[in-house]
Amino acid sequence: MTAPIQPGSPSPSGIPLPKVLQPPKGASSPQFGQMLLKGLNEVQQMQTEADQAVQKLLVGEDVNTAEVLTAVQKANLAFQLMMQIRNKMVDAFQEIKDLRI
């Protein structure tokens, strides 16, 4: 008899996974849709925070310019990542759709 296959480490490189990709505490298996929705909400939150920081800077409030630029870049990077994930999902769907059974 063979030993059962054990699940691999979620992060084989030793680098911790981002909060979005970590399964919720106490949940046996997170639903893909829930993880995706959580990620979308976090991207939207980052964009909202960046927009608010830019608005404060434009009206002359005492805001650190470096923090504003960091918030904008962080939101931009998160949006680009979200778009790449969407593109990969669309490509995977197209491949599955084109499979012959």
PDB file of N, CA and C in Angstrom:
ATOM      1  N   MET A   1       0.833  -1.173   0.000  1.00  0.00           N
ATOM      2  CA  MET A   1       0.000   0.000   0.000  1.00  0.00           C
ATOM      3  C   MET A   1       0.883   1.245   0.000  1.00  0.00           C
ATOM      4  N   THR A   2       0.428   2.286  -0.643  1.00  0.00           N
ATOM      5  CA  THR A   2       1.206   3.520  -0.703  1.00  0.00           C
ATOM      6  C   THR A   2       0.679   4.527   0.304  1.00  0.00           C
ATOM      7  N   ALA A   3       1.544   5.441   0.667  1.00  0.00           N
ATOM      8  CA  ALA A   3       1.154   6.492   1.609  1.00  0.00           C
ATOM      9  C   ALA A   3       0.291   7.515   0.885  1.00  0.00           C
ATOM     10  N   PRO A   4      -0.700   8.088   1.565  1.00  0.00           N
ATOM     11  CA  PRO A   4      -1.538   9.102   0.917  1.00  0.00           C
ATOM     12  C   PRO A   4      -0.716  10.349   0.598  1.00  0.00           C
ATOM     13  N   ILE A   5      -1.146  11.042  -0.426  1.00  0.00           N
ATOM     14  CA  ILE A   5      -0.476  12.272  -0.836  1.00  0.00           C
ATOM     15  C   ILE A   5      -0.819  13.369   0.157  1.00  0.00           C
ATOM     16  N   GLN A   6       0.208  14.037   0.642  1.00  0.00           N
ATOM     17  CA  GLN A   6       0.022  15.130   1.593  1.00  0.00           C
ATOM     18  C   GLN A   6      -0.036  16.451   0.840  1.00  0.00           C
ATOM     19  N   PRO A   7      -0.867  17.378   1.281  1.00  0.00           N
ATOM     20  CA  PRO A   7      -0.908  18.676   0.600  1.00  0.00           C
ATOM     21  C   PRO A   7       0.416  19.400   0.779  1.00  0.00           C
ATOM     22  N   GLY A   8       0.799  20.136  -0.242  1.00  0.00           N
ATOM     23  CA  GLY A   8       2.045  20.888  -0.193  1.00  0.00           C
ATOM     24  C   GLY A   8       1.911  22.126   0.657  1.00  0.00           C
ATOM     25  N   SER A   9       3.017  22.726   0.913  1.00  0.00           N
ATOM     26  CA  SER A   9       3.033  23.972   1.661  1.00  0.00           C
ATOM     27  C   SER A   9       2.401  25.065   0.806  1.00  0.00           C
ATOM     28  N   PRO A  10       1.563  25.931   1.374  1.00  0.00           N
ATOM     29  CA  PRO A  10       0.957  26.984   0.567  1.00  0.00           C
ATOM     30  C   PRO A  10       1.991  27.960   0.019  1.00  0.00           C
ATOM     31  N   SER A  11       3.146  28.014   0.640  1.00  0.00           N
ATOM     32  CA  SER A  11       4.195  28.911   0.173  1.00  0.00           C
ATOM     33  C   SER A  11       5.521  28.159   0.182  1.00  0.00           C
ATOM     34  N   PRO A  12       5.818  27.399  -0.884  1.00  0.00           N
ATOM     35  CA  PRO A  12       7.015  26.568  -0.879  1.00  0.00           C
ATOM     36  C   PRO A  12       8.313  27.359  -0.782  1.00  0.00           C
ATOM     37  N   SER A  13       8.315  28.597  -1.166  1.00  0.00           N
ATOM     38  CA  SER A  13       9.544  29.387  -1.118  1.00  0.00           C
ATOM     39  C   SER A  13       9.831  29.924   0.276  1.00  0.00           C
ATOM     40  N   GLY A  14       8.915  29.744   1.208  1.00  0.00           N
ATOM     41  CA  GLY A  14       9.095  30.252   2.555  1.00  0.00           C
ATOM     42  C   GLY A  14       8.605  31.678   2.734  1.00  0.00           C
ATOM     43  N   ILE A  15       8.212  32.327   1.650  1.00  0.00           N
ATOM     44  CA  ILE A  15       7.690  33.689   1.725  1.00  0.00           C
ATOM     45  C   ILE A  15       6.222  33.597   2.122  1.00  0.00           C
ATOM     46  N   PRO A  16       5.808  34.325   3.154  1.00  0.00           N
ATOM     47  CA  PRO A  16       4.402  34.227   3.568  1.00  0.00           C
ATOM     48  C   PRO A  16       3.461  34.735   2.482  1.00  0.00           C
ATOM     49  N   LEU A  17       2.300  34.097   2.395  1.00  0.00           N
ATOM     50  CA  LEU A  17       1.294  34.498   1.418  1.00  0.00           C
ATOM     51  C   LEU A  17       0.665  35.826   1.818  1.00  0.00           C
ATOM     52  N   PRO A  18       0.243  36.635   0.834  1.00  0.00           N
ATOM     53  CA  PRO A  18      -0.485  37.859   1.167  1.00  0.00           C
ATOM     54  C   PRO A  18      -1.774  37.521   1.911  1.00  0.00           C
ATOM     55  N   LYS A  19      -2.258  38.481   2.666  1.00  0.00           N
ATOM     56  CA  LYS A  19      -3.467  38.284   3.457  1.00  0.00           C
ATOM     57  C   LYS A  19      -4.639  37.806   2.609  1.00  0.00           C
ATOM     58  N   VAL A  20      -4.725  38.295   1.391  1.00  0.00           N
ATOM     59  CA  VAL A  20      -5.844  37.954   0.509  1.00  0.00           C
ATOM     60  C   VAL A  20      -5.846  36.467   0.174  1.00  0.00           C
ATOM     61  N   LEU A  21      -4.663  35.872   0.019  1.00  0.00           N
ATOM     62  CA  LEU A  21      -4.576  34.485  -0.414  1.00  0.00           C
ATOM     63  C   LEU A  21      -4.579  33.492   0.730  1.00  0.00           C
ATOM     64  N   GLN A  22      -4.484  33.961   1.958  1.00  0.00           N
ATOM     65  CA  GLN A  22      -4.486  33.055   3.093  1.00  0.00           C
ATOM     66  C   GLN A  22      -5.911  32.624   3.399  1.00  0.00           C
ATOM     67  N   PRO A  23      -6.096  31.327   3.667  1.00  0.00           N
ATOM     68  CA  PRO A  23      -7.447  30.880   4.004  1.00  0.00           C
ATOM     69  C   PRO A  23      -7.893  31.481   5.331  1.00  0.00           C
ATOM     70  N   PRO A  24      -9.183  31.786   5.462  1.00  0.00           N
ATOM     71  CA  PRO A  24      -9.675  32.354   6.710  1.00  0.00           C
ATOM     72  C   PRO A  24      -9.504  31.366   7.856  1.00  0.00           C
ATOM     73  N   LYS A  25      -9.277  31.903   9.042  1.00  0.00           N
ATOM     74  CA  LYS A  25      -9.090  31.064  10.222  1.00  0.00           C
ATOM     75  C   LYS A  25     -10.387  30.314  10.531  1.00  0.00           C
ATOM     76  N   GLY A  26     -10.266  29.024  10.825  1.00  0.00           N
ATOM     77  CA  GLY A  26     -11.413  28.216  11.187  1.00  0.00           C
ATOM     78  C   GLY A  26     -12.198  27.677  10.008  1.00  0.00           C
ATOM     79  N   ALA A  27     -11.852  28.061   8.799  1.00  0.00           N
ATOM     80  CA  ALA A  27     -12.570  27.573   7.617  1.00  0.00           C
ATOM     81  C   ALA A  27     -11.839  26.351   7.076  1.00  0.00           C
ATOM     82  N   SER A  28     -12.603  25.337   6.700  1.00  0.00           N
ATOM     83  CA  SER A  28     -11.977  24.125   6.185  1.00  0.00           C
ATOM     84  C   SER A  28     -11.466  24.329   4.769  1.00  0.00           C
ATOM     85  N   SER A  29     -12.264  24.914   3.914  1.00  0.00           N
ATOM     86  CA  SER A  29     -11.815  25.196   2.549  1.00  0.00           C
ATOM     87  C   SER A  29     -12.569  26.425   2.040  1.00  0.00           C
ATOM     88  N   PRO A  30     -11.843  27.516   1.817  1.00  0.00           N
ATOM     89  CA  PRO A  30     -12.522  28.731   1.360  1.00  0.00           C
ATOM     90  C   PRO A  30     -13.051  28.563  -0.058  1.00  0.00           C
ATOM     91  N   GLN A  31     -14.168  29.160  -0.321  1.00  0.00           N
ATOM     92  CA  GLN A  31     -14.745  29.127  -1.655  1.00  0.00           C
ATOM     93  C   GLN A  31     -13.967  30.089  -2.547  1.00  0.00           C
ATOM     94  N   PHE A  32     -13.751  29.682  -3.796  1.00  0.00           N
ATOM     95  CA  PHE A  32     -12.988  30.501  -4.733  1.00  0.00           C
ATOM     96  C   PHE A  32     -13.652  31.858  -4.926  1.00  0.00           C
ATOM     97  N   GLY A  33     -14.957  31.856  -5.057  1.00  0.00           N
ATOM     98  CA  GLY A  33     -15.683  33.107  -5.261  1.00  0.00           C
ATOM     99  C   GLY A  33     -15.522  34.064  -4.096  1.00  0.00           C
ATOM    100  N   GLN A  34     -15.518  33.520  -2.884  1.00  0.00           N
ATOM    101  CA  GLN A  34     -15.344  34.364  -1.706  1.00  0.00           C
ATOM    102  C   GLN A  34     -13.950  34.980  -1.677  1.00  0.00           C
ATOM    103  N   MET A  35     -12.940  34.178  -2.029  1.00  0.00           N
ATOM    104  CA  MET A  35     -11.573  34.698  -2.065  1.00  0.00           C
ATOM    105  C   MET A  35     -11.435  35.785  -3.126  1.00  0.00           C
ATOM    106  N   LEU A  36     -12.052  35.556  -4.276  1.00  0.00           N
ATOM    107  CA  LEU A  36     -11.981  36.528  -5.366  1.00  0.00           C
ATOM    108  C   LEU A  36     -12.684  37.828  -4.975  1.00  0.00           C
ATOM    109  N   LEU A  37     -13.852  37.709  -4.382  1.00  0.00           N
ATOM    110  CA  LEU A  37     -14.599  38.890  -3.949  1.00  0.00           C
ATOM    111  C   LEU A  37     -13.835  39.664  -2.883  1.00  0.00           C
ATOM    112  N   LYS A  38     -13.214  38.957  -1.960  1.00  0.00           N
ATOM    113  CA  LYS A  38     -12.423  39.611  -0.918  1.00  0.00           C
ATOM    114  C   LYS A  38     -11.267  40.385  -1.547  1.00  0.00           C
ATOM    115  N   GLY A  39     -10.609  39.777  -2.521  1.00  0.00           N
ATOM    116  CA  GLY A  39      -9.508  40.456  -3.209  1.00  0.00           C
ATOM    117  C   GLY A  39      -9.974  41.692  -3.948  1.00  0.00           C
ATOM    118  N   LEU A  40     -11.119  41.583  -4.629  1.00  0.00           N
ATOM    119  CA  LEU A  40     -11.666  42.743  -5.345  1.00  0.00           C
ATOM    120  C   LEU A  40     -12.008  43.871  -4.383  1.00  0.00           C
ATOM    121  N   ASN A  41     -12.583  43.514  -3.243  1.00  0.00           N
ATOM    122  CA  ASN A  41     -12.932  44.529  -2.248  1.00  0.00           C
ATOM    123  C   ASN A  41     -11.689  45.223  -1.697  1.00  0.00           C
ATOM    124  N   GLU A  42     -10.614  44.452  -1.497  1.00  0.00           N
ATOM    125  CA  GLU A  42      -9.385  45.059  -0.993  1.00  0.00           C
ATOM    126  C   GLU A  42      -8.766  45.993  -2.028  1.00  0.00           C
ATOM    127  N   VAL A  43      -8.822  45.621  -3.300  1.00  0.00           N
ATOM    128  CA  VAL A  43      -8.312  46.503  -4.357  1.00  0.00           C
ATOM    129  C   VAL A  43      -9.134  47.785  -4.392  1.00  0.00           C
ATOM    130  N   GLN A  44     -10.444  47.656  -4.294  1.00  0.00           N
ATOM    131  CA  GLN A  44     -11.306  48.841  -4.294  1.00  0.00           C
ATOM    132  C   GLN A  44     -10.997  49.729  -3.093  1.00  0.00           C
ATOM    133  N   GLN A  45     -10.765  49.122  -1.937  1.00  0.00           N
ATOM    134  CA  GLN A  45     -10.439  49.893  -0.734  1.00  0.00           C
ATOM    135  C   GLN A  45      -9.122  50.652  -0.924  1.00  0.00           C
ATOM    136  N   MET A  46      -8.126  49.993  -1.525  1.00  0.00           N
ATOM    137  CA  MET A  46      -6.841  50.667  -1.780  1.00  0.00           C
ATOM    138  C   MET A  46      -7.017  51.852  -2.719  1.00  0.00           C
ATOM    139  N   GLN A  47      -7.850  51.677  -3.745  1.00  0.00           N
ATOM    140  CA  GLN A  47      -8.083  52.769  -4.690  1.00  0.00           C
ATOM    141  C   GLN A  47      -8.824  53.924  -4.021  1.00  0.00           C
ATOM    142  N   THR A  48      -9.774  53.610  -3.167  1.00  0.00           N
ATOM    143  CA  THR A  48     -10.511  54.649  -2.447  1.00  0.00           C
ATOM    144  C   THR A  48      -9.578  55.431  -1.526  1.00  0.00           C
ATOM    145  N   GLU A  49      -8.715  54.714  -0.804  1.00  0.00           N
ATOM    146  CA  GLU A  49      -7.770  55.385   0.091  1.00  0.00           C
ATOM    147  C   GLU A  49      -6.806  56.269  -0.696  1.00  0.00           C
ATOM    148  N   ALA A  50      -6.346  55.787  -1.845  1.00  0.00           N
ATOM    149  CA  ALA A  50      -5.440  56.583  -2.676  1.00  0.00           C
ATOM    150  C   ALA A  50      -6.154  57.832  -3.193  1.00  0.00           C
ATOM    151  N   ASP A  51      -7.398  57.683  -3.626  1.00  0.00           N
ATOM    152  CA  ASP A  51      -8.172  58.837  -4.106  1.00  0.00           C
ATOM    153  C   ASP A  51      -8.364  59.873  -3.003  1.00  0.00           C
ATOM    154  N   GLN A  52      -8.662  59.402  -1.796  1.00  0.00           N
ATOM    155  CA  GLN A  52      -8.849  60.324  -0.675  1.00  0.00           C
ATOM    156  C   GLN A  52      -7.550  61.053  -0.342  1.00  0.00           C
ATOM    157  N   ALA A  53      -6.431  60.335  -0.399  1.00  0.00           N
ATOM    158  CA  ALA A  53      -5.134  60.959  -0.117  1.00  0.00           C
ATOM    159  C   ALA A  53      -4.808  62.021  -1.161  1.00  0.00           C
ATOM    160  N   VAL A  54      -5.095  61.739  -2.423  1.00  0.00           N
ATOM    161  CA  VAL A  54      -4.844  62.713  -3.488  1.00  0.00           C
ATOM    162  C   VAL A  54      -5.740  63.934  -3.301  1.00  0.00           C
ATOM    163  N   GLN A  55      -7.009  63.725  -2.959  1.00  0.00           N
ATOM    164  CA  GLN A  55      -7.925  64.848  -2.732  1.00  0.00           C
ATOM    165  C   GLN A  55      -7.426  65.742  -1.601  1.00  0.00           C
ATOM    166  N   LYS A  56      -6.955  65.117  -0.507  1.00  0.00           N
ATOM    167  CA  LYS A  56      -6.431  65.905   0.615  1.00  0.00           C
ATOM    168  C   LYS A  56      -5.216  66.718   0.184  1.00  0.00           C
ATOM    169  N   LEU A  57      -4.370  66.112  -0.633  1.00  0.00           N
ATOM    170  CA  LEU A  57      -3.182  66.818  -1.120  1.00  0.00           C
ATOM    171  C   LEU A  57      -3.574  67.993  -2.013  1.00  0.00           C
ATOM    172  N   LEU A  58      -4.584  67.784  -2.863  1.00  0.00           N
ATOM    173  CA  LEU A  58      -5.006  68.830  -3.800  1.00  0.00           C
ATOM    174  C   LEU A  58      -5.645  70.027  -3.109  1.00  0.00           C
ATOM    175  N   VAL A  59      -6.357  69.794  -2.012  1.00  0.00           N
ATOM    176  CA  VAL A  59      -7.002  70.912  -1.316  1.00  0.00           C
ATOM    177  C   VAL A  59      -6.063  71.584  -0.325  1.00  0.00           C
ATOM    178  N   GLY A  60      -4.844  71.076  -0.222  1.00  0.00           N
ATOM    179  CA  GLY A  60      -3.840  71.737   0.604  1.00  0.00           C
ATOM    180  C   GLY A  60      -3.766  71.278   2.037  1.00  0.00           C
ATOM    181  N   GLU A  61      -4.382  70.160   2.365  1.00  0.00           N
ATOM    182  CA  GLU A  61      -4.278  69.654   3.733  1.00  0.00           C
ATOM    183  C   GLU A  61      -2.849  69.194   3.996  1.00  0.00           C
ATOM    184  N   ASP A  62      -2.515  69.090   5.270  1.00  0.00           N
ATOM    185  CA  ASP A  62      -1.166  68.674   5.660  1.00  0.00           C
ATOM    186  C   ASP A  62      -1.049  67.156   5.502  1.00  0.00           C
ATOM    187  N   VAL A  63      -0.569  66.743   4.323  1.00  0.00           N
ATOM    188  CA  VAL A  63      -0.438  65.322   4.006  1.00  0.00           C
ATOM    189  C   VAL A  63       0.983  65.081   3.515  1.00  0.00           C
ATOM    190  N   ASN A  64       1.562  63.977   3.931  1.00  0.00           N
ATOM    191  CA  ASN A  64       2.900  63.612   3.481  1.00  0.00           C
ATOM    192  C   ASN A  64       2.828  63.172   2.017  1.00  0.00           C
ATOM    193  N   THR A  65       3.555  63.868   1.157  1.00  0.00           N
ATOM    194  CA  THR A  65       3.526  63.578  -0.280  1.00  0.00           C
ATOM    195  C   THR A  65       4.006  62.163  -0.574  1.00  0.00           C
ATOM    196  N   ALA A  66       5.001  61.705   0.157  1.00  0.00           N
ATOM    197  CA  ALA A  66       5.521  60.349  -0.064  1.00  0.00           C
ATOM    198  C   ALA A  66       4.453  59.303   0.238  1.00  0.00           C
ATOM    199  N   GLU A  67       3.665  59.535   1.289  1.00  0.00           N
ATOM    200  CA  GLU A  67       2.595  58.594   1.629  1.00  0.00           C
ATOM    201  C   GLU A  67       1.510  58.582   0.553  1.00  0.00           C
ATOM    202  N   VAL A  68       1.224  59.750  -0.012  1.00  0.00           N
ATOM    203  CA  VAL A  68       0.228  59.832  -1.085  1.00  0.00           C
ATOM    204  C   VAL A  68       0.714  59.056  -2.301  1.00  0.00           C
ATOM    205  N   LEU A  69       1.960  59.287  -2.688  1.00  0.00           N
ATOM    206  CA  LEU A  69       2.516  58.576  -3.843  1.00  0.00           C
ATOM    207  C   LEU A  69       2.574  57.070  -3.596  1.00  0.00           C
ATOM    208  N   THR A  70       2.909  56.680  -2.377  1.00  0.00           N
ATOM    209  CA  THR A  70       2.948  55.255  -2.042  1.00  0.00           C
ATOM    210  C   THR A  70       1.558  54.641  -2.137  1.00  0.00           C
ATOM    211  N   ALA A  71       0.554  55.343  -1.638  1.00  0.00           N
ATOM    212  CA  ALA A  71      -0.817  54.834  -1.698  1.00  0.00           C
ATOM    213  C   ALA A  71      -1.284  54.691  -3.142  1.00  0.00           C
ATOM    214  N   VAL A  72      -0.941  55.662  -3.985  1.00  0.00           N
ATOM    215  CA  VAL A  72      -1.334  55.607  -5.398  1.00  0.00           C
ATOM    216  C   VAL A  72      -0.635  54.443  -6.098  1.00  0.00           C
ATOM    217  N   GLN A  73       0.658  54.279  -5.856  1.00  0.00           N
ATOM    218  CA  GLN A  73       1.400  53.181  -6.486  1.00  0.00           C
ATOM    219  C   GLN A  73       0.905  51.821  -5.997  1.00  0.00           C
ATOM    220  N   LYS A  74       0.593  51.731  -4.716  1.00  0.00           N
ATOM    221  CA  LYS A  74       0.080  50.480  -4.152  1.00  0.00           C
ATOM    222  C   LYS A  74      -1.262  50.119  -4.795  1.00  0.00           C
ATOM    223  N   ALA A  75      -2.136  51.102  -4.940  1.00  0.00           N
ATOM    224  CA  ALA A  75      -3.436  50.864  -5.572  1.00  0.00           C
ATOM    225  C   ALA A  75      -3.264  50.488  -7.037  1.00  0.00           C
ATOM    226  N   ASN A  76      -2.347  51.141  -7.725  1.00  0.00           N
ATOM    227  CA  ASN A  76      -2.093  50.843  -9.131  1.00  0.00           C
ATOM    228  C   ASN A  76      -1.556  49.424  -9.301  1.00  0.00           C
ATOM    229  N   LEU A  77      -0.615  49.033  -8.457  1.00  0.00           N
ATOM    230  CA  LEU A  77      -0.044  47.692  -8.532  1.00  0.00           C
ATOM    231  C   LEU A  77      -1.100  46.629  -8.234  1.00  0.00           C
ATOM    232  N   ALA A  78      -1.943  46.878  -7.237  1.00  0.00           N
ATOM    233  CA  ALA A  78      -3.008  45.929  -6.905  1.00  0.00           C
ATOM    234  C   ALA A  78      -3.989  45.793  -8.063  1.00  0.00           C
ATOM    235  N   PHE A  79      -4.295  46.908  -8.727  1.00  0.00           N
ATOM    236  CA  PHE A  79      -5.210  46.866  -9.865  1.00  0.00           C
ATOM    237  C   PHE A  79      -4.595  46.086 -11.024  1.00  0.00           C
ATOM    238  N   GLN A  80      -3.308  46.316 -11.287  1.00  0.00           N
ATOM    239  CA  GLN A  80      -2.633  45.578 -12.360  1.00  0.00           C
ATOM    240  C   GLN A  80      -2.617  44.081 -12.070  1.00  0.00           C
ATOM    241  N   LEU A  81      -2.362  43.714 -10.818  1.00  0.00           N
ATOM    242  CA  LEU A  81      -2.382  42.301 -10.438  1.00  0.00           C
ATOM    243  C   LEU A  81      -3.771  41.714 -10.639  1.00  0.00           C
ATOM    244  N   MET A  82      -4.795  42.463 -10.238  1.00  0.00           N
ATOM    245  CA  MET A  82      -6.170  41.994 -10.415  1.00  0.00           C
ATOM    246  C   MET A  82      -6.477  41.765 -11.897  1.00  0.00           C
ATOM    247  N   MET A  83      -6.021  42.664 -12.761  1.00  0.00           N
ATOM    248  CA  MET A  83      -6.259  42.513 -14.198  1.00  0.00           C
ATOM    249  C   MET A  83      -5.519  41.300 -14.760  1.00  0.00           C
ATOM    250  N   GLN A  84      -4.319  41.035 -14.285  1.00  0.00           N
ATOM    251  CA  GLN A  84      -3.580  39.863 -14.748  1.00  0.00           C
ATOM    252  C   GLN A  84      -4.271  38.574 -14.309  1.00  0.00           C
ATOM    253  N   ILE A  85      -4.795  38.566 -13.097  1.00  0.00           N
ATOM    254  CA  ILE A  85      -5.540  37.394 -12.623  1.00  0.00           C
ATOM    255  C   ILE A  85      -6.783  37.198 -13.476  1.00  0.00           C
ATOM    256  N   ARG A  86      -7.480  38.297 -13.786  1.00  0.00           N
ATOM    257  CA  ARG A  86      -8.658  38.198 -14.645  1.00  0.00           C
ATOM    258  C   ARG A  86      -8.280  37.641 -16.013  1.00  0.00           C
ATOM    259  N   ASN A  87      -7.191  38.128 -16.581  1.00  0.00           N
ATOM    260  CA  ASN A  87      -6.758  37.642 -17.893  1.00  0.00           C
ATOM    261  C   ASN A  87      -6.441  36.153 -17.862  1.00  0.00           C
ATOM    262  N   LYS A  88      -5.770  35.701 -16.811  1.00  0.00           N
ATOM    263  CA  LYS A  88      -5.450  34.270 -16.684  1.00  0.00           C
ATOM    264  C   LYS A  88      -6.729  33.448 -16.545  1.00  0.00           C
ATOM    265  N   MET A  89      -7.708  33.973 -15.803  1.00  0.00           N
ATOM    266  CA  MET A  89      -8.966  33.246 -15.637  1.00  0.00           C
ATOM    267  C   MET A  89      -9.718  33.158 -16.958  1.00  0.00           C
ATOM    268  N   VAL A  90      -9.722  34.225 -17.734  1.00  0.00           N
ATOM    269  CA  VAL A  90     -10.389  34.210 -19.040  1.00  0.00           C
ATOM    270  C   VAL A  90      -9.691  33.224 -19.967  1.00  0.00           C
ATOM    271  N   ASP A  91      -8.353  33.224 -19.957  1.00  0.00           N
ATOM    272  CA  ASP A  91      -7.607  32.272 -20.785  1.00  0.00           C
ATOM    273  C   ASP A  91      -7.915  30.831 -20.387  1.00  0.00           C
ATOM    274  N   ALA A  92      -7.964  30.570 -19.078  1.00  0.00           N
ATOM    275  CA  ALA A  92      -8.271  29.218 -18.609  1.00  0.00           C
ATOM    276  C   ALA A  92      -9.682  28.816 -19.022  1.00  0.00           C
ATOM    277  N   PHE A  93     -10.626  29.744 -18.919  1.00  0.00           N
ATOM    278  CA  PHE A  93     -11.994  29.450 -19.334  1.00  0.00           C
ATOM    279  C   PHE A  93     -12.050  29.120 -20.818  1.00  0.00           C
ATOM    280  N   GLN A  94     -11.326  29.891 -21.635  1.00  0.00           N
ATOM    281  CA  GLN A  94     -11.312  29.636 -23.081  1.00  0.00           C
ATOM    282  C   GLN A  94     -10.732  28.255 -23.384  1.00  0.00           C
ATOM    283  N   GLU A  95      -9.661  27.881 -22.678  1.00  0.00           N
ATOM    284  CA  GLU A  95      -9.062  26.565 -22.897  1.00  0.00           C
ATOM    285  C   GLU A  95     -10.029  25.452 -22.510  1.00  0.00           C
ATOM    286  N   ILE A  96     -10.707  25.617 -21.395  1.00  0.00           N
ATOM    287  CA  ILE A  96     -11.670  24.599 -20.956  1.00  0.00           C
ATOM    288  C   ILE A  96     -12.831  24.525 -21.934  1.00  0.00           C
ATOM    289  N   LYS A  97     -13.281  25.674 -22.408  1.00  0.00           N
ATOM    290  CA  LYS A  97     -14.398  25.716 -23.352  1.00  0.00           C
ATOM    291  C   LYS A  97     -14.040  25.014 -24.659  1.00  0.00           C
ATOM    292  N   ASP A  98     -12.778  25.121 -25.067  1.00  0.00           N
ATOM    293  CA  ASP A  98     -12.352  24.537 -26.337  1.00  0.00           C
ATOM    294  C   ASP A  98     -11.974  23.059 -26.242  1.00  0.00           C
ATOM    295  N   LEU A  99     -12.005  22.486 -25.048  1.00  0.00           N
ATOM    296  CA  LEU A  99     -11.669  21.067 -24.902  1.00  0.00           C
ATOM    297  C   LEU A  99     -12.712  20.198 -25.588  1.00  0.00           C
ATOM    298  N   ARG A 100     -12.246  19.162 -26.233  1.00  0.00           N
ATOM    299  CA  ARG A 100     -13.156  18.188 -26.852  1.00  0.00           C
ATOM    300  C   ARG A 100     -13.328  17.027 -25.883  1.00  0.00           C
ATOM    301  N   ILE A 101     -14.549  16.656 -25.689  1.00  0.00           N
ATOM    302  CA  ILE A 101     -14.825  15.541 -24.775  1.00  0.00           C
ATOM    303  C   ILE A 101     -15.114  14.291 -25.566  1.00  0.00           C
TER     304      ILE A 101
END
